[in-house]
C-alpha cells in the first residue's frame, strides 16, 4: 500500500461540484470510477484539499488516495488521464508519506475570480468568466476596499448563512486586482476560506467598483460580523481554485 498525491485540474461547467452527491455528476465520482476500474472493482476513496461548488473550476486542486497497485508512480498520470473524461486532467502524481492528508495538511490556498468587461463577451468565455456587459469598474476603489480584508479577521460577513462552521476566523495574506486585456482578475490567498467566502468578497468588491457601495462599507461589514452587510454572492463560474499550499 502506498499513498499518492495528485494535482488535478477540471472544468466545473458540467459538474454538480467536487463532492459525490446522489444522482449527480461530480469530480470525485468520475475519478473514483476510474480508480475502481484500475483496481479491478475495488473501491478507492479520494480525499481533496476541499470541496468546490457546481460550475466552479480548478487549476490546482490536490487529492490523495491509497493504492495497492504495483505500477510505477510516474505511470499514474497517463493511466488516469486516458480513462478520465476530458473535463478532468491529472497534472502531476507523486508518492507521499503515509500520514499525508490533502485536506488537514493544507497551509493555504489561492483562488482567482474573473470578470469579462468587454463590450461583447466571447461565446467561448461564457462558462469561464462572468459577463460584466461592458462595465469597467473603478479598480482603484476596489483595491482600497480590499485593504480591509487583508489580515486576520472574523469573517462571518463573508460566509454563507447556512454554514455549520463555528470558528470563522481566517487570515487573508493577499488580495490583488489586475487587468488581463479586457478581463479583470481578482486573486486572493490565505490560510483557508469559509463557504462561499471568495464569491461573497468578489460580489462585494464588484459593488464597490460599480459605485453601489462605499469603500469604507467593506471594513464596516467585517466589524459587524453580519452577512446582510456584505454584497451579493458572485456567480460560481467565474471562480477558480488555483493553488493549494502545503508546508
Protein backbone atom coordinates (compact mmCIF):
# COMPACT_ATOMS: atom_id res chain seq x y z
CA UNK A 1 0.00 0.00 0.00
CA UNK A 2 1.28 3.47 -0.85
CA UNK A 3 -0.25 6.95 -0.64
CA UNK A 4 -0.24 9.15 -3.72
CA UNK A 5 -0.85 12.87 -4.04
CA UNK A 6 -2.25 14.16 -7.32
CA UNK A 7 -2.68 17.69 -8.57
CA UNK A 8 -5.74 17.93 -10.80
CA UNK A 9 -7.48 20.50 -12.97
CA UNK A 10 -11.12 20.48 -14.01
CA UNK A 11 -13.68 22.47 -15.93
CA UNK A 12 -16.57 22.79 -13.50
CA UNK A 13 -19.20 23.62 -16.13
CA UNK A 14 -20.79 20.18 -16.33
CA UNK A 15 -20.26 19.16 -12.70
CA UNK A 16 -22.59 19.44 -9.71
CA UNK A 17 -19.47 20.17 -7.67
CA UNK A 18 -16.45 18.24 -6.48
CA UNK A 19 -18.00 16.03 -3.79
CA UNK A 20 -20.06 12.90 -4.52
CA UNK A 21 -23.80 13.58 -4.50
CA UNK A 22 -26.55 11.03 -5.17
CA UNK A 23 -27.58 11.00 -8.81
CA UNK A 24 -25.21 13.83 -9.79
CA UNK A 25 -22.11 14.03 -11.93
CA UNK A 26 -19.19 15.14 -9.73
CA UNK A 27 -15.42 15.33 -9.98
CA UNK A 28 -14.90 12.90 -7.10
CA UNK A 29 -17.26 10.34 -8.65
CA UNK A 30 -15.52 10.41 -12.04
CA UNK A 31 -12.07 9.92 -10.54
CA UNK A 32 -13.18 7.18 -8.16
CA UNK A 33 -14.86 5.32 -11.03
CA UNK A 34 -11.57 5.23 -12.93
CA UNK A 35 -9.60 4.17 -9.84
CA UNK A 36 -12.10 1.35 -9.17
CA UNK A 37 -11.61 0.13 -12.73
CA UNK A 38 -7.84 0.21 -12.31
CA UNK A 39 -8.17 -1.72 -9.03
CA UNK A 40 -10.35 -4.48 -10.59
CA UNK A 41 -13.57 -3.27 -8.99
CA UNK A 42 -12.24 -2.45 -5.54
CA UNK A 43 -13.42 0.89 -4.16
CA UNK A 44 -10.71 3.56 -3.83
CA UNK A 45 -11.70 6.71 -1.99
CA UNK A 46 -10.01 10.01 -2.75
CA UNK A 47 -9.66 12.95 -0.37
CA UNK A 48 -9.37 16.52 -1.66
CA UNK A 49 -8.00 19.71 -0.16
CA UNK A 50 -11.59 20.93 -0.04
CA UNK A 51 -14.85 20.96 -1.94
CA UNK A 52 -15.76 23.19 -4.85
CA UNK A 53 -19.35 24.04 -5.78
CA UNK A 54 -21.21 23.40 -9.02
CA UNK A 55 -19.64 25.24 -12.00
CA UNK A 56 -16.54 26.26 -10.00
CA UNK A 57 -13.29 25.40 -11.79
CA UNK A 58 -9.90 24.24 -10.52
CA UNK A 59 -6.44 24.61 -11.99
CA UNK A 60 -4.60 23.26 -8.97
CA UNK A 61 -6.83 21.09 -6.78
CA UNK A 62 -4.98 18.45 -4.72
CA UNK A 63 -6.20 14.97 -3.80
CA UNK A 64 -4.71 11.91 -2.14
CA UNK A 65 -5.57 8.22 -2.28
CA UNK A 66 -4.09 4.89 -1.24
CA UNK A 67 -3.28 2.20 -3.78
CA UNK A 68 -2.11 -1.40 -3.77
CA UNK A 69 -1.21 -1.41 -7.47
CA UNK A 70 2.36 -2.34 -8.28
CA UNK A 71 2.89 0.14 -11.09
CA UNK A 72 5.49 2.93 -11.16
CA UNK A 73 4.26 6.25 -9.79
CA UNK A 74 5.30 8.03 -12.97
CA UNK A 75 2.81 5.88 -14.94
CA UNK A 76 -0.21 7.03 -12.91
CA UNK A 77 -0.74 10.36 -14.62
CA UNK A 78 -1.14 8.84 -18.07
CA UNK A 79 -3.09 5.85 -16.75
CA UNK A 80 -5.66 8.17 -15.18
CA UNK A 81 -5.85 10.71 -17.99
CA UNK A 82 -6.53 8.15 -20.73
CA UNK A 83 -9.62 6.99 -18.81
CA UNK A 84 -10.91 10.22 -17.28
CA UNK A 85 -13.38 12.47 -19.13
CA UNK A 86 -11.77 15.39 -20.93
CA UNK A 87 -13.03 17.96 -18.42
CA UNK A 88 -10.72 16.47 -15.75
CA UNK A 89 -6.94 16.31 -16.16
CA UNK A 90 -4.30 14.96 -13.80
CA UNK A 91 -1.35 17.35 -13.84
CA UNK A 92 1.05 15.50 -11.53
CA UNK A 93 1.23 12.44 -9.29
CA UNK A 94 3.78 11.76 -6.57
CA UNK A 95 4.23 9.35 -3.68
CA UNK A 96 3.91 10.94 -0.24
CA UNK A 97 4.23 9.84 3.36
CA UNK A 98 1.51 7.55 4.67
CA UNK A 99 0.30 10.26 7.05
CA UNK A 100 -0.04 12.99 4.40
CA UNK A 101 -3.58 14.38 4.26
CA UNK A 102 -4.73 16.51 1.32
CA UNK A 103 -7.20 18.43 3.50
CA UNK A 104 -5.77 18.57 7.00
CA UNK A 105 -2.20 19.39 5.93
CA UNK A 106 -3.18 22.45 3.87
CA UNK A 107 -1.32 25.61 4.92
CA UNK A 108 -3.00 27.93 2.42
CA UNK A 109 -4.92 28.34 -0.83
CA UNK A 110 -5.10 30.78 -3.70
CA UNK A 111 -8.22 31.50 -5.71
CA UNK A 112 -8.83 33.54 -8.85
CA UNK A 113 -12.06 35.26 -9.87
CA UNK A 114 -12.58 36.64 -13.39
CA UNK A 115 -14.95 39.24 -14.84
CA UNK A 116 -15.19 39.82 -18.59
CA UNK A 117 -15.60 43.57 -19.13
CA UNK A 118 -15.57 43.53 -22.92
CA UNK A 119 -18.44 45.16 -24.81
CA UNK A 120 -19.48 41.74 -26.15
CA UNK A 121 -18.44 38.59 -24.34
CA UNK A 122 -16.96 35.86 -26.49
CA UNK A 123 -19.23 32.78 -26.52
CA UNK A 124 -16.09 30.74 -25.84
CA UNK A 125 -15.57 32.52 -22.48
CA UNK A 126 -19.16 32.40 -21.22
CA UNK A 127 -18.58 29.41 -18.93
CA UNK A 128 -15.27 30.71 -17.57
CA UNK A 129 -15.76 34.43 -16.91
CA UNK A 130 -18.63 36.47 -15.52
CA UNK A 131 -20.10 38.83 -18.09
CA UNK A 132 -19.96 42.47 -16.99
CA UNK A 133 -21.88 43.81 -20.01
CA UNK A 134 -19.18 46.29 -20.92
CA UNK A 135 -18.94 47.83 -17.45
CA UNK A 136 -15.43 48.89 -16.46
CA UNK A 137 -15.37 49.13 -12.65
CA UNK A 138 -13.28 51.51 -10.57
CA UNK A 139 -10.46 49.10 -9.77
CA UNK A 140 -8.63 51.63 -7.61
CA UNK A 141 -11.67 51.85 -5.31
CA UNK A 142 -11.96 48.07 -5.26
CA UNK A 143 -8.31 47.73 -4.25
CA UNK A 144 -8.67 50.29 -1.47
CA UNK A 145 -11.71 48.43 -0.13
CA UNK A 146 -9.79 45.15 -0.36
CA UNK A 147 -7.22 46.51 2.06
CA UNK A 148 -9.70 45.98 4.90
CA UNK A 149 -9.94 42.29 4.05
CA UNK A 150 -6.22 41.54 4.26
CA UNK A 151 -5.15 40.26 7.67
CA UNK A 152 -6.71 38.07 10.34
CA UNK A 153 -10.40 38.74 10.94
CA UNK A 154 -13.65 37.13 11.98
CA UNK A 155 -15.26 36.77 8.56
CA UNK A 156 -18.92 36.00 9.35
CA UNK A 157 -20.00 38.73 6.93
CA UNK A 158 -18.35 36.87 4.04
CA UNK A 159 -19.74 33.43 4.88
CA UNK A 160 -22.90 31.75 3.63
CA UNK A 161 -25.56 31.83 6.34
CA UNK A 162 -26.20 28.06 6.19
CA UNK A 163 -22.66 27.02 7.12
CA UNK A 164 -22.11 24.79 10.16
CA UNK A 165 -18.61 26.15 10.81
CA UNK A 166 -18.36 27.83 14.23
CA UNK A 167 -14.87 29.36 14.07
CA UNK A 168 -14.96 31.95 11.29
CA UNK A 169 -11.54 33.49 11.93
CA UNK A 170 -9.33 33.32 8.86
CA UNK A 171 -6.18 35.05 7.61
CA UNK A 172 -6.06 36.60 4.15
CA UNK A 173 -2.46 37.10 3.04
CA UNK A 174 -3.08 38.96 -0.18
CA UNK A 175 -5.80 40.27 -2.48
CA UNK A 176 -4.96 41.83 -5.84
CA UNK A 177 -6.97 43.08 -8.80
CA UNK A 178 -5.38 43.34 -12.23
CA UNK A 179 -6.41 43.75 -15.85
CA UNK A 180 -5.63 40.97 -18.31
CA UNK A 181 -6.76 42.52 -21.55
CA UNK A 182 -10.48 43.20 -21.08
CA UNK A 183 -10.75 40.75 -18.21
CA UNK A 184 -10.48 41.84 -14.58
CA UNK A 185 -8.86 39.19 -12.39
CA UNK A 186 -9.04 39.08 -8.61
CA UNK A 187 -6.52 36.81 -6.90
CA UNK A 188 -6.83 36.10 -3.19
CA UNK A 189 -4.67 33.92 -0.96
CA UNK A 190 -4.97 32.92 2.65
CA UNK A 191 -4.80 30.18 5.25
CA UNK A 192 -8.29 28.99 4.39
CA UNK A 193 -11.70 30.20 3.27
CA UNK A 194 -15.24 29.83 4.54
CA UNK A 195 -18.13 28.53 2.46
CA UNK A 196 -18.76 31.00 -0.41
CA UNK A 197 -16.25 33.42 1.14
CA UNK A 198 -14.35 34.21 -2.06
CA UNK A 199 -17.53 34.64 -4.10
CA UNK A 200 -19.05 36.97 -1.50
CA UNK A 201 -15.86 39.02 -1.39
CA UNK A 202 -15.91 39.21 -5.19
CA UNK A 203 -19.54 40.29 -5.19
CA UNK A 204 -18.91 42.91 -2.51
CA UNK A 205 -15.88 44.40 -4.24
CA UNK A 206 -17.75 44.48 -7.55
CA UNK A 207 -20.43 46.61 -5.86
CA UNK A 208 -17.68 48.97 -4.72
CA UNK A 209 -16.22 49.13 -8.21
CA UNK A 210 -19.58 49.90 -9.80
CA UNK A 211 -20.47 52.63 -7.31
CA UNK A 212 -23.20 50.76 -5.46
CA UNK A 213 -21.20 50.54 -2.24
CA UNK A 214 -18.78 52.85 -0.42
CA UNK A 215 -15.16 51.82 0.03
CA UNK A 216 -15.49 52.09 3.83
CA UNK A 217 -18.51 49.77 3.89
CA UNK A 218 -16.27 46.71 3.49
CA UNK A 219 -14.39 47.39 6.74
CA UNK A 220 -17.72 48.14 8.44
CA UNK A 221 -19.20 44.84 7.23
CA UNK A 222 -16.27 42.91 8.69
CA UNK A 223 -16.65 44.61 12.06
CA UNK A 224 -20.41 43.96 12.06
CA UNK A 225 -19.98 40.19 11.52
CA UNK A 226 -23.33 40.33 9.72
CA UNK A 227 -23.79 38.67 6.32
CA UNK A 228 -26.53 41.19 5.49
CA UNK A 229 -23.93 43.98 5.42
CA UNK A 230 -21.85 42.42 2.65
CA UNK A 231 -22.62 42.20 -1.06
CA UNK A 232 -24.26 39.54 -3.18
CA UNK A 233 -22.57 36.20 -3.84
CA UNK A 234 -20.86 36.41 -7.22
CA UNK A 235 -21.68 33.69 -9.81
CA UNK A 236 -19.86 30.38 -9.44
CA UNK A 237 -18.45 30.04 -12.97
CA UNK A 238 -16.03 32.96 -12.52
CA UNK A 239 -14.18 31.20 -9.69
CA UNK A 240 -11.05 29.03 -9.90
CA UNK A 241 -9.22 27.13 -7.17
CA UNK A 242 -5.77 28.00 -8.44
CA UNK A 243 -3.26 26.52 -5.99
CA UNK A 244 -3.13 24.63 -2.70
CA UNK A 245 -0.14 25.13 -0.43
CA UNK A 246 1.48 22.68 2.00
CA UNK A 247 4.31 23.15 4.44
